[in-house]
Amino acid sequence: MNPHHETIEKLRPFIRRDRLVETAVALVGVPSRTGEAGEVSDVLARLLAADGFSVERPTGGYDPAPAVVTRLDSGKPGRTIQFNGHLDTVHLPFVAPGVKGDLITGSGASDMKSGVAAAVEAVRALRDSGALPGGSVLFTAHDLHESPWGDGRQLDTLIREGYVGQAVLIPEPLSDPLPVIGRGLAAWKVAVCRNGAPVHEVMRPPDEPSVISAAGLLLRELDRLNDALGAEHVPPSGGGADPGKASVFVGQVHAGEIFNQYPQNCRLEGTRRWLPGTDRHQVEREFRELLGRVARESRTTIDCEWFFTRDAYYLDTNDPFVGTFCGAYSSLSGRDLPLGSKPFVDDGNSFWAIAGVPAITHGPKAGGQHTLDEWVSIDDLERVALLYAATAVSYCAGPKG
């Protein structure tokens, strides 16, 4: 029999659907907007402690919501695999959890409290089954993930402090394909300003520049930049995946308070995405230089807030971790997992950029991320928990070096 099949069948009885759902509902039931995940982190820590796990609470430089860390050590030599997730949600009105049929709903149900619960269930199953033949499992959960309210610095600090395995699984709601390449991301806010106060349009000073016209000039320059970025190219990954194009995007433009006011400022917001191999610091410098040129030409001042989110992402398909995970997936699902790109940025970008650690994003079938209608499949949560546990058994048994 395929060794993955044997492992899966040994672990299957130890994945408890009722316990998994209870954990997910308990986490979803605690409001935890980004920067405010202290209470839900406490709830998770208590759940793990009640299960008999030793829990660490490193702050990662963010005292209001210490991270949650636990470990499962086989007591034998081997590799360390990490299960990592975030507990914060975007800043939308809170939706209480619900369970109906195969679905869990509520704030964070898909992004990504239920995925965290699946990772917890995988650790429980490994402990209860005694199936881990060597090495260890490191579980981490944290705040400050969702941008622009968070900048990922809590996880980044934890990584630099050594809370990192030799390979990482991240149960974000992406179940197909396996992402092997992705772009970096920063969000930005720009204010185009003039010196005078807001006035009625017929009273506008003749020599004062128009901030709306200046914003129009800036928009044209950003369009040109986006066209130029679209011509950039990065060689496909080992799986032939295309990360998409580098881009600059404008999502919001605001000026004035009423229709016939000559405004003092115009505000724009958007994103900047870049390809693997790009220097993120140079990306920011070039953006600010463009703003400076437009400010001089339009006789305005342009201020910029730049919110670095995550650097670009790459996964070496030749790493043993990838083969182990894909083998376990195929044995469990009966098909191969196609390789592709990561459409968003997540914690895997940080693990690769900071520590050079292979990080695989793979979670349950879910939807409604960043909306009021989040949902996740309970059946698929069970699959993810079993897949994570089976991957750990095979990977951790390998040589530490």
Protein backbone atom coordinates (compact mmCIF):
# COMPACT_ATOMS: atom_id res chain seq x y z
CA MET A 1 0.00 0.00 0.00
CA ASN A 2 1.11 3.58 -0.65
CA PRO A 3 2.75 4.82 2.59
CA HIS A 4 0.63 7.99 2.46
CA HIS A 5 -2.50 5.81 2.33
CA GLU A 6 -1.39 3.92 5.41
CA THR A 7 -0.72 7.16 7.28
CA ILE A 8 -4.04 8.68 6.24
CA GLU A 9 -6.02 5.64 7.34
CA LYS A 10 -4.20 5.58 10.66
CA LEU A 11 -4.95 9.25 11.29
CA ARG A 12 -8.52 9.39 9.97
CA PRO A 13 -10.27 8.14 13.17
CA PHE A 14 -8.50 10.83 15.18
CA ILE A 15 -9.92 13.78 13.18
CA ARG A 16 -13.05 14.61 15.18
CA ARG A 17 -15.61 16.62 13.22
CA ASP A 18 -17.52 17.76 16.32
CA ARG A 19 -14.38 19.04 18.03
CA LEU A 20 -13.22 20.77 14.86
CA VAL A 21 -16.56 22.56 14.40
CA GLU A 22 -16.69 23.57 18.07
CA THR A 23 -13.22 25.09 17.82
CA ALA A 24 -14.02 26.99 14.62
CA VAL A 25 -17.30 28.34 16.02
CA ALA A 26 -15.58 29.38 19.26
CA LEU A 27 -13.01 31.40 17.31
CA VAL A 28 -15.52 32.92 14.88
CA GLY A 29 -17.70 33.89 17.83
CA VAL A 30 -15.15 36.41 19.14
CA PRO A 31 -14.95 39.74 17.25
CA SER A 32 -11.31 40.32 16.31
CA ARG A 33 -10.73 43.10 13.85
CA THR A 34 -7.10 43.55 12.88
CA GLY A 35 -5.22 45.00 15.83
CA GLU A 36 -7.95 43.75 18.20
CA ALA A 37 -7.35 40.00 18.25
CA GLY A 38 -6.29 39.81 21.88
CA GLU A 39 -9.52 38.23 23.14
CA VAL A 40 -9.75 35.56 20.45
CA SER A 41 -6.05 34.77 20.98
CA ASP A 42 -6.83 34.22 24.67
CA VAL A 43 -9.73 31.94 23.73
CA LEU A 44 -7.50 29.84 21.49
CA ALA A 45 -4.81 29.65 24.16
CA ARG A 46 -7.37 28.41 26.70
CA LEU A 47 -8.69 25.78 24.27
CA LEU A 48 -5.19 24.44 23.67
CA ALA A 49 -4.36 24.45 27.37
CA ALA A 50 -7.60 22.59 28.14
CA ASP A 51 -6.52 19.98 25.59
CA GLY A 52 -3.30 19.46 27.53
CA PHE A 53 -0.95 21.45 25.32
CA SER A 54 1.72 23.74 26.72
CA VAL A 55 1.09 27.23 25.36
CA GLU A 56 3.55 30.08 24.83
CA ARG A 57 2.42 33.70 24.40
CA PRO A 58 5.23 35.69 22.74
CA THR A 59 4.16 39.24 21.93
CA GLY A 60 6.04 39.54 18.66
CA GLY A 61 6.35 43.23 19.52
CA TYR A 62 2.58 43.69 19.86
CA ASP A 63 1.51 43.58 23.50
CA PRO A 64 -2.28 44.04 23.00
CA ALA A 65 -2.59 40.62 21.33
CA PRO A 66 0.21 38.18 22.18
CA ALA A 67 0.57 35.37 19.68
CA VAL A 68 -0.41 31.78 20.46
CA VAL A 69 2.28 29.10 20.14
CA THR A 70 2.26 25.41 20.96
CA ARG A 71 4.54 22.52 20.06
CA LEU A 72 4.20 18.79 19.59
CA ASP A 73 7.56 17.07 19.91
CA SER A 74 8.02 13.39 19.07
CA GLY A 75 11.13 13.21 21.20
CA LYS A 76 13.02 11.77 18.24
CA PRO A 77 15.26 13.36 15.58
CA GLY A 78 13.62 14.82 12.52
CA ARG A 79 12.35 17.96 10.86
CA THR A 80 10.04 20.63 12.27
CA ILE A 81 6.90 21.51 10.32
CA GLN A 82 4.96 24.66 11.19
CA PHE A 83 1.22 25.27 10.95
CA ASN A 84 0.60 29.04 10.90
CA GLY A 85 -2.48 31.24 10.72
CA HIS A 86 -3.88 34.66 11.59
CA LEU A 87 -6.78 35.34 13.94
CA ASP A 88 -7.67 38.89 12.87
CA THR A 89 -10.43 39.86 10.45
CA VAL A 90 -11.02 42.85 8.19
CA HIS A 91 -12.82 45.91 9.59
CA LEU A 92 -16.42 45.07 8.73
CA PRO A 93 -19.47 44.74 11.02
CA PHE A 94 -19.30 41.58 13.10
CA VAL A 95 -21.38 38.60 11.95
CA ALA A 96 -22.01 35.91 14.57
CA PRO A 97 -21.16 32.30 13.73
CA GLY A 98 -23.72 29.88 12.35
CA VAL A 99 -23.72 26.21 11.36
CA LYS A 100 -26.08 24.91 8.71
CA GLY A 101 -25.53 21.63 6.94
CA ASP A 102 -21.95 21.51 5.68
CA LEU A 103 -21.27 25.21 6.24
CA ILE A 104 -19.90 27.40 9.01
CA THR A 105 -20.65 31.10 8.52
CA GLY A 106 -19.69 34.32 10.27
CA SER A 107 -16.86 36.82 10.50
CA GLY A 108 -13.56 35.09 9.80
CA ALA A 109 -15.20 31.75 8.96
CA SER A 110 -13.33 31.58 5.67
CA ASP A 111 -10.50 34.06 6.31
CA MET A 112 -9.22 32.28 8.27
CA LYS A 113 -10.37 31.16 11.71
CA SER A 114 -11.80 27.87 10.45
CA GLY A 115 -8.49 27.12 8.75
CA VAL A 116 -6.74 27.78 12.05
CA ALA A 117 -9.17 25.36 13.71
CA ALA A 118 -8.30 22.71 11.10
CA ALA A 119 -4.60 23.15 11.86
CA VAL A 120 -5.35 22.78 15.59
CA GLU A 121 -7.29 19.60 14.86
CA ALA A 122 -4.32 18.24 12.90
CA VAL A 123 -2.06 18.78 15.93
CA ARG A 124 -4.61 17.07 18.17
CA ALA A 125 -4.86 14.09 15.81
CA LEU A 126 -1.08 13.74 15.70
CA ARG A 127 -0.91 13.83 19.50
CA ASP A 128 -3.84 11.45 20.04
CA SER A 129 -2.69 8.92 17.42
CA GLY A 130 0.98 8.93 18.36
CA ALA A 131 1.66 8.83 14.62
CA LEU A 132 4.46 11.41 14.52
CA PRO A 133 7.57 9.25 13.99
CA GLY A 134 10.16 11.97 14.51
CA GLY A 135 10.74 15.70 14.60
CA SER A 136 8.10 18.13 15.79
CA VAL A 137 5.16 20.35 14.91
CA LEU A 138 5.18 24.07 15.68
CA PHE A 139 1.78 25.82 15.71
CA THR A 140 1.55 29.64 15.59
CA ALA A 141 -1.38 32.06 15.42
CA HIS A 142 -1.20 35.85 15.46
CA ASP A 143 -2.74 39.30 14.80
CA LEU A 144 -1.85 42.20 12.45
CA HIS A 145 -2.31 40.28 9.21
CA GLU A 146 -5.02 42.15 7.29
CA SER A 147 -3.91 45.34 5.58
CA PRO A 148 -4.07 48.27 5.72
CA TRP A 149 -4.92 47.99 9.43
CA GLY A 150 -2.07 45.54 10.00
CA ASP A 151 1.35 45.39 8.43
CA GLY A 152 2.41 41.84 9.30
CA ARG A 153 5.03 43.02 11.74
CA GLN A 154 3.97 40.68 14.55
CA LEU A 155 4.59 37.59 12.43
CA ASP A 156 7.74 39.11 10.94
CA THR A 157 9.08 39.64 14.47
CA LEU A 158 8.16 36.09 15.49
CA ILE A 159 10.03 34.71 12.47
CA ARG A 160 13.11 36.77 13.32
CA GLU A 161 12.88 35.59 16.94
CA GLY A 162 13.06 31.96 15.78
CA TYR A 163 9.41 30.92 15.80
CA VAL A 164 9.77 29.20 12.45
CA GLY A 165 9.93 25.62 11.24
CA GLN A 166 11.82 24.11 8.33
CA ALA A 167 8.61 24.19 6.30
CA VAL A 168 5.24 25.89 6.80
CA LEU A 169 1.60 25.10 5.99
CA ILE A 170 -0.84 28.02 5.92
CA PRO A 171 -4.60 27.21 5.81
CA GLU A 172 -5.76 30.29 3.93
CA PRO A 173 -8.86 29.60 1.80
CA LEU A 174 -6.99 28.54 -1.34
CA SER A 175 -7.53 24.87 -2.13
CA ASP A 176 -6.68 24.77 -5.84
CA PRO A 177 -4.06 25.26 -7.25
CA LEU A 178 -0.85 24.92 -5.27
CA PRO A 179 0.68 28.42 -5.44
CA VAL A 180 4.36 28.43 -6.30
CA ILE A 181 4.87 32.10 -7.17
CA GLY A 182 3.26 35.43 -6.29
CA ARG A 183 3.64 39.19 -6.29
CA GLY A 184 4.60 41.54 -3.48
CA LEU A 185 2.17 44.22 -2.30
CA ALA A 186 2.06 47.68 -0.78
CA ALA A 187 -0.95 49.91 -0.25
CA TRP A 188 -0.63 53.69 -0.55
CA LYS A 189 -2.57 56.84 0.32
CA VAL A 190 -1.79 60.11 -1.43
CA ALA A 191 -2.98 63.64 -0.60
CA VAL A 192 -2.66 66.34 -3.28
CA CYS A 193 -2.84 69.72 -1.52
CA ARG A 194 -2.73 73.48 -2.16
CA ASN A 195 -2.09 76.23 0.38
CA GLY A 196 -5.43 78.05 0.45
CA ALA A 197 -8.55 77.11 2.33
CA PRO A 198 -11.59 75.46 0.69
CA VAL A 199 -13.88 78.13 -0.84
CA HIS A 200 -16.94 78.51 -3.07
CA GLU A 201 -15.97 77.90 -6.70
CA VAL A 202 -16.71 81.51 -7.73
CA MET A 203 -14.39 82.78 -4.99
CA ARG A 204 -11.44 80.61 -5.90
CA PRO A 205 -8.06 82.39 -6.00
CA PRO A 206 -6.89 82.78 -9.60
CA ASP A 207 -3.31 81.80 -8.84
CA GLU A 208 -4.05 78.77 -6.67
CA PRO A 209 -3.56 75.41 -8.44
CA SER A 210 -6.45 72.98 -8.81
CA VAL A 211 -5.88 69.87 -6.74
CA ILE A 212 -8.37 67.97 -8.90
CA SER A 213 -6.46 68.86 -12.06
CA ALA A 214 -3.23 67.86 -10.33
CA ALA A 215 -4.83 64.57 -9.33
CA GLY A 216 -5.86 64.09 -12.96
CA LEU A 217 -2.24 64.57 -14.00
CA LEU A 218 -1.17 62.06 -11.38
CA LEU A 219 -3.73 59.55 -12.62
CA ARG A 220 -2.37 59.84 -16.16
CA GLU A 221 1.17 59.28 -14.91
CA LEU A 222 0.06 56.27 -12.90
CA ASP A 223 -1.65 54.86 -15.99
CA ARG A 224 1.62 55.22 -17.90
CA LEU A 225 3.50 53.53 -15.08
CA ASN A 226 1.02 50.67 -15.02
CA ASP A 227 1.43 50.17 -18.76
CA ALA A 228 5.22 50.07 -18.36
CA LEU A 229 5.01 47.66 -15.45
CA GLY A 230 2.79 45.36 -17.49
CA ALA A 231 5.69 44.83 -19.89
CA GLU A 232 7.95 43.50 -17.12
CA HIS A 233 8.53 39.76 -17.13
CA VAL A 234 9.67 37.17 -14.65
CA PRO A 235 10.69 33.67 -15.76
CA PRO A 236 7.98 31.10 -14.97
CA SER A 237 8.41 29.04 -11.83
CA GLY A 238 9.40 25.39 -11.87
CA GLY A 239 5.75 24.55 -12.40
CA GLY A 240 5.38 26.98 -15.28
CA ALA A 241 3.17 29.30 -13.22
CA ASP A 242 2.83 32.96 -14.21
CA PRO A 243 2.69 35.32 -11.20
CA GLY A 244 0.73 37.95 -13.11
CA LYS A 245 1.84 41.45 -13.98
CA ALA A 246 3.44 44.09 -11.84
CA SER A 247 0.93 46.90 -11.41
CA VAL A 248 -0.10 50.16 -9.85
CA PHE A 249 -3.81 50.43 -9.11
CA VAL A 250 -6.04 53.33 -8.07
CA GLY A 251 -9.17 52.30 -6.20
CA GLN A 252 -10.41 55.54 -4.63
CA VAL A 253 -10.36 59.27 -5.46
CA HIS A 254 -11.97 61.87 -3.17
CA ALA A 255 -12.10 65.69 -3.31
CA GLY A 256 -14.32 68.38 -1.89
CA GLU A 257 -17.35 68.30 0.37
CA ILE A 258 -20.05 69.58 -2.04
CA PHE A 259 -20.39 70.01 -5.79
CA ASN A 260 -19.43 73.70 -6.03
CA GLN A 261 -16.56 73.88 -3.55
CA TYR A 262 -13.02 74.61 -4.69
CA PRO A 263 -11.27 71.94 -2.57
CA GLN A 264 -8.03 72.25 -0.70
CA ASN A 265 -6.98 68.62 -1.18
CA CYS A 266 -7.67 65.54 -3.22
CA ARG A 267 -7.04 62.08 -1.81
CA LEU A 268 -6.21 58.95 -3.77
CA GLU A 269 -5.71 55.38 -2.55
CA GLY A 270 -4.51 52.25 -4.26
CA THR A 271 -1.97 49.46 -4.43
CA ARG A 272 1.41 48.65 -5.97
CA ARG A 273 2.31 45.04 -6.78
CA TRP A 274 5.71 43.80 -7.91
CA LEU A 275 7.29 40.62 -9.24
CA PRO A 276 9.71 38.23 -7.52
CA GLY A 277 13.28 39.49 -7.78
CA THR A 278 12.24 43.15 -7.46
CA ASP A 279 13.74 45.35 -4.74
CA ARG A 280 10.75 46.55 -2.72
CA HIS A 281 12.67 49.59 -1.45
CA GLN A 282 13.36 50.68 -5.03
CA VAL A 283 9.66 50.27 -5.81
CA GLU A 284 8.79 52.78 -3.09
CA ARG A 285 11.55 55.22 -4.11
CA GLU A 286 10.39 55.26 -7.73
CA PHE A 287 6.78 55.83 -6.67
CA ARG A 288 7.72 58.77 -4.47
CA GLU A 289 9.90 60.24 -7.24
CA LEU A 290 6.90 60.14 -9.59
CA LEU A 291 4.82 61.99 -6.99
CA GLY A 292 7.55 64.61 -6.66
CA ARG A 293 7.60 65.26 -10.41
CA VAL A 294 3.82 65.69 -10.53
CA ALA A 295 3.89 68.00 -7.51
CA ARG A 296 6.44 70.27 -9.16
CA GLU A 297 4.59 70.36 -12.46
CA SER A 298 1.20 71.04 -10.85
CA ARG A 299 2.52 73.48 -8.19
CA THR A 300 0.94 71.40 -5.42
CA THR A 301 2.30 69.44 -2.52
CA ILE A 302 1.79 65.69 -2.56
CA ASP A 303 2.09 63.65 0.61
CA CYS A 304 2.23 59.87 0.57
CA GLU A 305 1.62 57.17 3.17
CA TRP A 306 3.17 53.89 2.03
CA PHE A 307 2.01 50.66 3.69
CA PHE A 308 4.31 47.75 2.91
CA THR A 309 2.31 44.54 3.20
CA ARG A 310 4.36 41.56 1.98
CA ASP A 311 7.28 40.98 -0.35
CA ALA A 312 7.00 38.71 -3.39
CA TYR A 313 6.74 34.94 -3.03
CA TYR A 314 8.38 31.90 -4.56
CA LEU A 315 8.22 28.18 -3.79
CA ASP A 316 10.98 25.86 -4.98
CA THR A 317 9.13 22.88 -6.44
CA ASN A 318 12.26 20.76 -6.00
CA ASP A 319 12.15 21.14 -2.22
CA PRO A 320 11.35 17.80 -0.50
CA PHE A 321 8.50 19.51 1.35
CA VAL A 322 6.63 20.15 -1.89
CA GLY A 323 6.90 16.53 -2.96
CA THR A 324 5.77 15.31 0.44
CA PHE A 325 2.75 17.60 0.52
CA CYS A 326 1.71 16.84 -3.05
CA GLY A 327 2.07 13.10 -2.42
CA ALA A 328 -0.17 13.30 0.63
CA TYR A 329 -2.67 15.43 -1.27
CA SER A 330 -2.83 12.98 -4.19
CA SER A 331 -3.30 10.00 -1.89
CA LEU A 332 -6.09 11.73 0.01
CA SER A 333 -7.87 13.39 -2.93
CA GLY A 334 -7.27 10.89 -5.70
CA ARG A 335 -5.83 13.48 -8.06
CA ASP A 336 -2.73 15.61 -8.50
CA LEU A 337 -2.79 19.23 -7.34
CA PRO A 338 -1.97 21.55 -10.26
CA LEU A 339 0.64 24.24 -9.74
CA GLY A 340 -0.28 27.90 -10.15
CA SER A 341 0.24 31.40 -8.84
CA LYS A 342 -0.89 33.02 -5.60
CA PRO A 343 -3.42 35.78 -6.39
CA PHE A 344 -3.05 37.47 -3.01
CA VAL A 345 -0.28 38.02 -0.48
CA ASP A 346 -0.22 36.12 2.78
CA ASP A 347 2.11 34.93 5.52
CA GLY A 348 3.90 32.59 3.11
CA ASN A 349 5.44 35.64 1.47
CA SER A 350 7.06 36.58 4.79
CA PHE A 351 8.37 33.11 5.56
CA TRP A 352 10.06 32.96 2.16
CA ALA A 353 11.35 36.55 2.12
CA ILE A 354 12.63 36.65 5.70
CA ALA A 355 13.68 33.08 6.46
CA GLY A 356 13.98 31.40 3.07
CA VAL A 357 11.60 28.71 4.33
CA PRO A 358 9.26 26.86 1.94
CA ALA A 359 5.69 27.84 2.75
CA ILE A 360 2.63 26.25 1.17
CA THR A 361 -0.73 28.00 1.22
CA HIS A 362 -3.50 25.43 1.18
CA GLY A 363 -6.80 25.65 3.01
CA PRO A 364 -10.44 24.63 2.87
CA LYS A 365 -13.04 25.36 0.23
CA ALA A 366 -14.53 28.66 1.37
CA GLY A 367 -15.89 31.95 0.11
CA GLY A 368 -16.99 35.45 0.99
CA GLN A 369 -13.57 36.61 2.15
CA HIS A 370 -13.58 40.32 3.11
CA THR A 371 -17.40 40.45 2.96
CA LEU A 372 -20.27 39.97 5.41
CA ASP A 373 -21.07 36.56 3.90
CA GLU A 374 -18.11 34.35 4.78
CA TRP A 375 -18.56 30.58 4.65
CA VAL A 376 -16.46 27.44 4.81
CA SER A 377 -17.15 23.77 4.09
CA ILE A 378 -16.95 21.55 7.17
CA ASP A 379 -16.26 18.48 5.02
CA ASP A 380 -13.27 20.25 3.52
CA LEU A 381 -12.06 21.41 6.92
CA GLU A 382 -11.83 17.74 7.87
CA ARG A 383 -9.89 17.06 4.67
CA VAL A 384 -7.43 19.87 5.42
CA ALA A 385 -6.90 18.68 9.00
CA LEU A 386 -6.19 15.14 7.78
CA LEU A 387 -3.92 16.40 4.99
CA TYR A 388 -1.89 18.55 7.39
CA ALA A 389 -1.46 15.69 9.83
CA ALA A 390 -0.45 13.24 7.08
CA THR A 391 2.04 15.71 5.62
CA ALA A 392 3.59 16.20 9.06
CA VAL A 393 4.04 12.44 9.56
CA SER A 394 5.93 12.07 6.28
CA TYR A 395 7.90 15.31 6.39
CA CYS A 396 8.99 15.30 10.02
CA ALA A 397 10.43 11.81 9.69
CA GLY A 398 13.04 13.14 7.25
CA PRO A 399 16.59 14.18 8.15
CA LYS A 400 16.78 17.46 10.05
CA GLY A 401 19.54 18.83 7.84
